[in-house]
């Protein structure tokens, strides 16, 4: 049986078998990502892409029905890659 869990902040834990959740598969909403990056949520919606998309400029996301969810781990990795790219060139790279 698969279940989904919501934490106090509204983030969704991944679908998993009960009792086997390791907390690593947490999902963020577009509003949570927008707050973290200090941009409007519409900007986030424009930048979303499939998790398996090879485009490094897209924020990895999964569409569940009519809403998008961003896996926390992939988002953190994307953010780290984006900030490292700016350091390599010696200047701050614009994310948006």
N, C-alpha and C. Protein backbone atom coordinates (compact mmCIF):
# COMPACT_ATOMS: atom_id res chain seq x y z
N UNK A 1 0.83 -1.18 0.00
CA UNK A 1 0.00 0.00 0.00
C UNK A 1 0.88 1.25 0.00
N UNK A 2 0.58 2.21 -0.86
CA UNK A 2 1.35 3.44 -0.93
C UNK A 2 0.61 4.57 -0.22
N UNK A 3 1.38 5.44 0.45
CA UNK A 3 0.78 6.57 1.16
C UNK A 3 1.62 7.81 0.93
N UNK A 4 1.01 8.98 1.15
CA UNK A 4 1.72 10.26 1.10
C UNK A 4 1.52 10.94 2.44
N UNK A 5 2.53 11.65 2.91
CA UNK A 5 2.44 12.34 4.20
C UNK A 5 2.75 13.81 4.02
N UNK A 6 2.07 14.66 4.78
CA UNK A 6 2.29 16.10 4.76
C UNK A 6 2.94 16.51 6.06
N UNK A 7 3.97 17.35 6.00
CA UNK A 7 4.54 17.85 7.24
C UNK A 7 3.90 19.19 7.60
N UNK A 8 4.31 19.79 8.70
CA UNK A 8 3.68 21.02 9.19
C UNK A 8 3.82 22.17 8.20
N UNK A 9 4.88 22.20 7.41
CA UNK A 9 5.10 23.28 6.45
C UNK A 9 4.36 23.09 5.15
N UNK A 10 3.61 22.00 5.01
CA UNK A 10 2.86 21.75 3.80
C UNK A 10 3.61 20.95 2.76
N UNK A 11 4.89 20.62 3.05
CA UNK A 11 5.66 19.83 2.10
C UNK A 11 5.14 18.39 2.14
N UNK A 12 5.26 17.74 1.02
CA UNK A 12 4.74 16.37 0.89
C UNK A 12 5.90 15.41 0.89
N UNK A 13 5.79 14.35 1.69
CA UNK A 13 6.78 13.27 1.64
C UNK A 13 6.39 12.35 0.49
N UNK A 14 7.37 11.75 -0.11
CA UNK A 14 7.14 10.91 -1.29
C UNK A 14 6.24 9.73 -0.96
N UNK A 15 5.62 9.22 -1.99
CA UNK A 15 4.82 8.01 -1.83
C UNK A 15 5.75 6.87 -1.46
N UNK A 16 5.41 6.17 -0.41
CA UNK A 16 6.27 5.09 0.03
C UNK A 16 5.47 4.06 0.80
N UNK A 17 6.11 2.98 1.07
CA UNK A 17 5.49 1.94 1.87
C UNK A 17 5.55 2.38 3.33
N UNK A 18 4.46 2.23 4.08
CA UNK A 18 4.47 2.65 5.48
C UNK A 18 5.59 1.96 6.26
N UNK A 19 6.26 2.74 7.11
CA UNK A 19 7.33 2.19 7.92
C UNK A 19 8.69 2.19 7.25
N UNK A 20 8.75 2.53 5.97
CA UNK A 20 10.02 2.53 5.26
C UNK A 20 10.42 3.92 4.80
N UNK A 21 9.84 4.95 5.37
CA UNK A 21 10.17 6.32 4.99
C UNK A 21 11.49 6.73 5.63
N UNK A 22 12.44 7.20 4.81
CA UNK A 22 13.72 7.63 5.34
C UNK A 22 13.83 9.15 5.40
N UNK A 23 12.80 9.88 4.99
CA UNK A 23 12.80 11.34 5.07
C UNK A 23 13.59 12.01 3.96
N UNK A 24 14.20 11.25 3.07
CA UNK A 24 15.01 11.84 2.01
C UNK A 24 14.19 12.20 0.78
N UNK A 25 12.97 11.69 0.67
CA UNK A 25 12.16 11.90 -0.51
C UNK A 25 11.08 12.97 -0.30
N UNK A 26 11.43 14.03 0.39
CA UNK A 26 10.48 15.08 0.67
C UNK A 26 10.34 15.99 -0.55
N UNK A 27 9.12 16.49 -0.76
CA UNK A 27 8.84 17.37 -1.88
C UNK A 27 8.49 18.77 -1.38
N UNK A 28 8.87 19.78 -2.17
CA UNK A 28 8.56 21.17 -1.87
C UNK A 28 7.48 21.65 -2.83
N UNK A 29 6.71 22.64 -2.40
CA UNK A 29 5.74 23.26 -3.29
C UNK A 29 6.43 24.39 -4.05
N UNK A 30 5.77 24.88 -5.09
CA UNK A 30 6.34 26.00 -5.84
C UNK A 30 6.43 27.25 -4.96
N UNK A 31 5.50 27.43 -4.05
CA UNK A 31 5.55 28.58 -3.15
C UNK A 31 6.75 28.51 -2.21
N UNK A 32 7.06 27.32 -1.72
CA UNK A 32 8.22 27.16 -0.83
C UNK A 32 9.52 27.45 -1.56
N UNK A 33 9.62 26.99 -2.80
CA UNK A 33 10.83 27.27 -3.60
C UNK A 33 10.92 28.76 -3.91
N UNK A 34 9.79 29.38 -4.23
CA UNK A 34 9.77 30.82 -4.52
C UNK A 34 10.22 31.62 -3.31
N UNK A 35 9.76 31.26 -2.13
CA UNK A 35 10.19 31.95 -0.91
C UNK A 35 11.69 31.78 -0.69
N UNK A 36 12.18 30.59 -0.92
CA UNK A 36 13.60 30.32 -0.70
C UNK A 36 14.48 31.14 -1.65
N UNK A 37 14.03 31.28 -2.91
CA UNK A 37 14.81 32.02 -3.90
C UNK A 37 14.44 33.50 -3.98
N UNK A 38 13.42 33.88 -3.21
CA UNK A 38 12.95 35.27 -3.16
C UNK A 38 12.50 35.78 -4.52
N UNK A 39 11.70 34.96 -5.18
CA UNK A 39 11.10 35.34 -6.46
C UNK A 39 9.61 35.00 -6.40
N UNK A 40 8.86 35.44 -7.39
CA UNK A 40 7.42 35.15 -7.45
C UNK A 40 7.21 33.69 -7.86
N UNK A 41 6.15 33.10 -7.39
CA UNK A 41 5.88 31.69 -7.70
C UNK A 41 5.65 31.46 -9.20
N UNK A 42 5.18 32.47 -9.92
CA UNK A 42 5.02 32.34 -11.37
C UNK A 42 6.37 32.15 -12.04
N UNK A 43 7.40 32.81 -11.53
CA UNK A 43 8.75 32.65 -12.07
C UNK A 43 9.21 31.21 -11.91
N UNK A 44 8.90 30.61 -10.78
CA UNK A 44 9.27 29.21 -10.55
C UNK A 44 8.54 28.31 -11.54
N UNK A 45 7.25 28.55 -11.73
CA UNK A 45 6.48 27.74 -12.67
C UNK A 45 7.06 27.78 -14.08
N UNK A 46 7.59 28.92 -14.48
CA UNK A 46 8.20 29.05 -15.81
C UNK A 46 9.51 28.29 -15.93
N UNK A 47 10.19 28.05 -14.79
CA UNK A 47 11.50 27.44 -14.80
C UNK A 47 11.50 25.94 -14.52
N UNK A 48 10.32 25.36 -14.30
CA UNK A 48 10.25 23.94 -13.96
C UNK A 48 10.47 23.06 -15.18
N UNK A 49 11.04 21.90 -14.93
CA UNK A 49 11.24 20.90 -15.97
C UNK A 49 11.16 19.52 -15.34
N UNK A 50 11.02 18.52 -16.15
CA UNK A 50 10.94 17.16 -15.65
C UNK A 50 12.23 16.78 -14.93
N UNK A 51 12.12 15.91 -13.94
CA UNK A 51 13.29 15.50 -13.16
C UNK A 51 14.35 14.88 -14.07
N UNK A 52 13.93 14.14 -15.08
CA UNK A 52 14.89 13.48 -15.97
C UNK A 52 15.31 14.37 -17.14
N UNK A 53 14.91 15.64 -17.15
CA UNK A 53 15.29 16.58 -18.21
C UNK A 53 16.78 16.92 -18.06
N UNK A 54 17.50 16.90 -19.16
CA UNK A 54 18.94 17.16 -19.12
C UNK A 54 19.28 18.64 -19.09
N UNK A 55 18.31 19.53 -19.26
CA UNK A 55 18.57 20.97 -19.27
C UNK A 55 18.96 21.43 -17.87
N UNK A 56 20.22 21.90 -17.68
CA UNK A 56 20.68 22.30 -16.35
C UNK A 56 20.04 23.58 -15.83
N UNK A 57 19.38 24.32 -16.69
CA UNK A 57 18.76 25.57 -16.25
C UNK A 57 17.36 25.36 -15.70
N UNK A 58 16.78 24.20 -15.91
CA UNK A 58 15.44 23.90 -15.42
C UNK A 58 15.49 23.37 -14.00
N UNK A 59 14.52 23.78 -13.19
CA UNK A 59 14.39 23.26 -11.83
C UNK A 59 13.71 21.90 -11.94
N UNK A 60 14.33 20.83 -11.41
CA UNK A 60 13.72 19.51 -11.52
C UNK A 60 12.41 19.44 -10.74
N UNK A 61 11.37 18.91 -11.37
CA UNK A 61 10.05 18.85 -10.73
C UNK A 61 9.24 17.68 -11.26
N UNK A 62 8.19 17.36 -10.51
CA UNK A 62 7.27 16.29 -10.86
C UNK A 62 5.87 16.88 -10.83
N UNK A 63 5.08 16.59 -11.85
CA UNK A 63 3.72 17.08 -11.87
C UNK A 63 2.79 16.01 -11.31
N UNK A 64 2.01 16.41 -10.31
CA UNK A 64 1.05 15.51 -9.67
C UNK A 64 -0.32 16.12 -9.89
N UNK A 65 -1.05 15.57 -10.86
CA UNK A 65 -2.33 16.17 -11.22
C UNK A 65 -2.11 17.53 -11.83
N UNK A 66 -2.64 18.57 -11.18
CA UNK A 66 -2.49 19.94 -11.69
C UNK A 66 -1.43 20.74 -10.96
N UNK A 67 -0.76 20.14 -10.00
CA UNK A 67 0.24 20.87 -9.22
C UNK A 67 1.63 20.29 -9.44
N UNK A 68 2.63 21.11 -9.28
CA UNK A 68 4.01 20.70 -9.40
C UNK A 68 4.60 20.50 -8.02
N UNK A 69 5.44 19.50 -7.87
CA UNK A 69 6.19 19.25 -6.64
C UNK A 69 7.66 19.15 -7.01
N UNK A 70 8.50 19.77 -6.19
CA UNK A 70 9.92 19.79 -6.43
C UNK A 70 10.60 18.90 -5.39
N UNK A 71 11.26 17.83 -5.82
CA UNK A 71 11.97 16.99 -4.85
C UNK A 71 13.07 17.79 -4.16
N UNK A 72 13.06 17.78 -2.82
CA UNK A 72 14.00 18.60 -2.06
C UNK A 72 15.45 18.28 -2.42
N UNK A 73 15.79 17.00 -2.53
CA UNK A 73 17.18 16.62 -2.82
C UNK A 73 17.63 17.15 -4.18
N UNK A 74 16.80 16.97 -5.21
CA UNK A 74 17.16 17.45 -6.54
C UNK A 74 17.23 18.97 -6.59
N UNK A 75 16.34 19.64 -5.85
CA UNK A 75 16.38 21.10 -5.81
C UNK A 75 17.68 21.59 -5.18
N UNK A 76 18.09 20.96 -4.06
CA UNK A 76 19.34 21.35 -3.40
C UNK A 76 20.53 21.13 -4.34
N UNK A 77 20.54 20.01 -5.07
CA UNK A 77 21.62 19.74 -6.02
C UNK A 77 21.62 20.76 -7.16
N UNK A 78 20.43 21.10 -7.67
CA UNK A 78 20.33 22.09 -8.75
C UNK A 78 20.84 23.44 -8.27
N UNK A 79 20.48 23.83 -7.05
CA UNK A 79 20.91 25.10 -6.50
C UNK A 79 22.42 25.13 -6.32
N UNK A 80 23.01 24.03 -5.85
CA UNK A 80 24.46 23.96 -5.68
C UNK A 80 25.17 24.05 -7.04
N UNK A 81 24.64 23.33 -8.05
CA UNK A 81 25.25 23.38 -9.39
C UNK A 81 25.16 24.80 -9.96
N UNK A 82 24.05 25.46 -9.75
CA UNK A 82 23.86 26.81 -10.30
C UNK A 82 24.83 27.80 -9.65
N UNK A 83 25.04 27.67 -8.35
CA UNK A 83 25.94 28.60 -7.68
C UNK A 83 27.40 28.27 -7.99
N UNK A 84 27.73 26.99 -8.21
CA UNK A 84 29.10 26.62 -8.57
C UNK A 84 29.46 27.12 -9.95
N UNK A 85 28.50 27.14 -10.87
CA UNK A 85 28.77 27.62 -12.23
C UNK A 85 29.17 29.09 -12.20
N UNK A 86 28.57 29.86 -11.32
CA UNK A 86 28.92 31.27 -11.20
C UNK A 86 30.31 31.48 -10.62
N UNK A 87 30.72 30.61 -9.69
CA UNK A 87 32.05 30.72 -9.09
C UNK A 87 33.14 30.39 -10.09
N UNK A 88 32.87 29.44 -11.00
CA UNK A 88 33.88 29.05 -11.98
C UNK A 88 34.20 30.20 -12.94
N UNK A 89 33.20 30.99 -13.28
CA UNK A 89 33.43 32.09 -14.21
C UNK A 89 33.92 33.34 -13.50
N UNK A 90 33.92 33.32 -12.17
CA UNK A 90 34.41 34.47 -11.42
C UNK A 90 33.38 35.56 -11.22
N UNK A 91 32.15 35.31 -11.58
CA UNK A 91 31.10 36.30 -11.37
C UNK A 91 29.80 35.60 -10.98
N UNK A 92 28.92 36.35 -10.39
CA UNK A 92 27.65 35.80 -9.95
C UNK A 92 26.77 35.52 -11.16
N UNK A 93 26.29 34.32 -11.28
CA UNK A 93 25.42 33.94 -12.39
C UNK A 93 23.98 34.17 -11.99
N UNK A 94 23.23 34.77 -12.87
CA UNK A 94 21.81 34.98 -12.62
C UNK A 94 21.06 33.68 -12.78
N UNK A 95 20.26 33.34 -11.79
CA UNK A 95 19.47 32.13 -11.89
C UNK A 95 18.23 32.35 -12.74
N UNK A 96 17.74 33.59 -12.77
CA UNK A 96 16.51 33.89 -13.50
C UNK A 96 16.70 35.08 -14.39
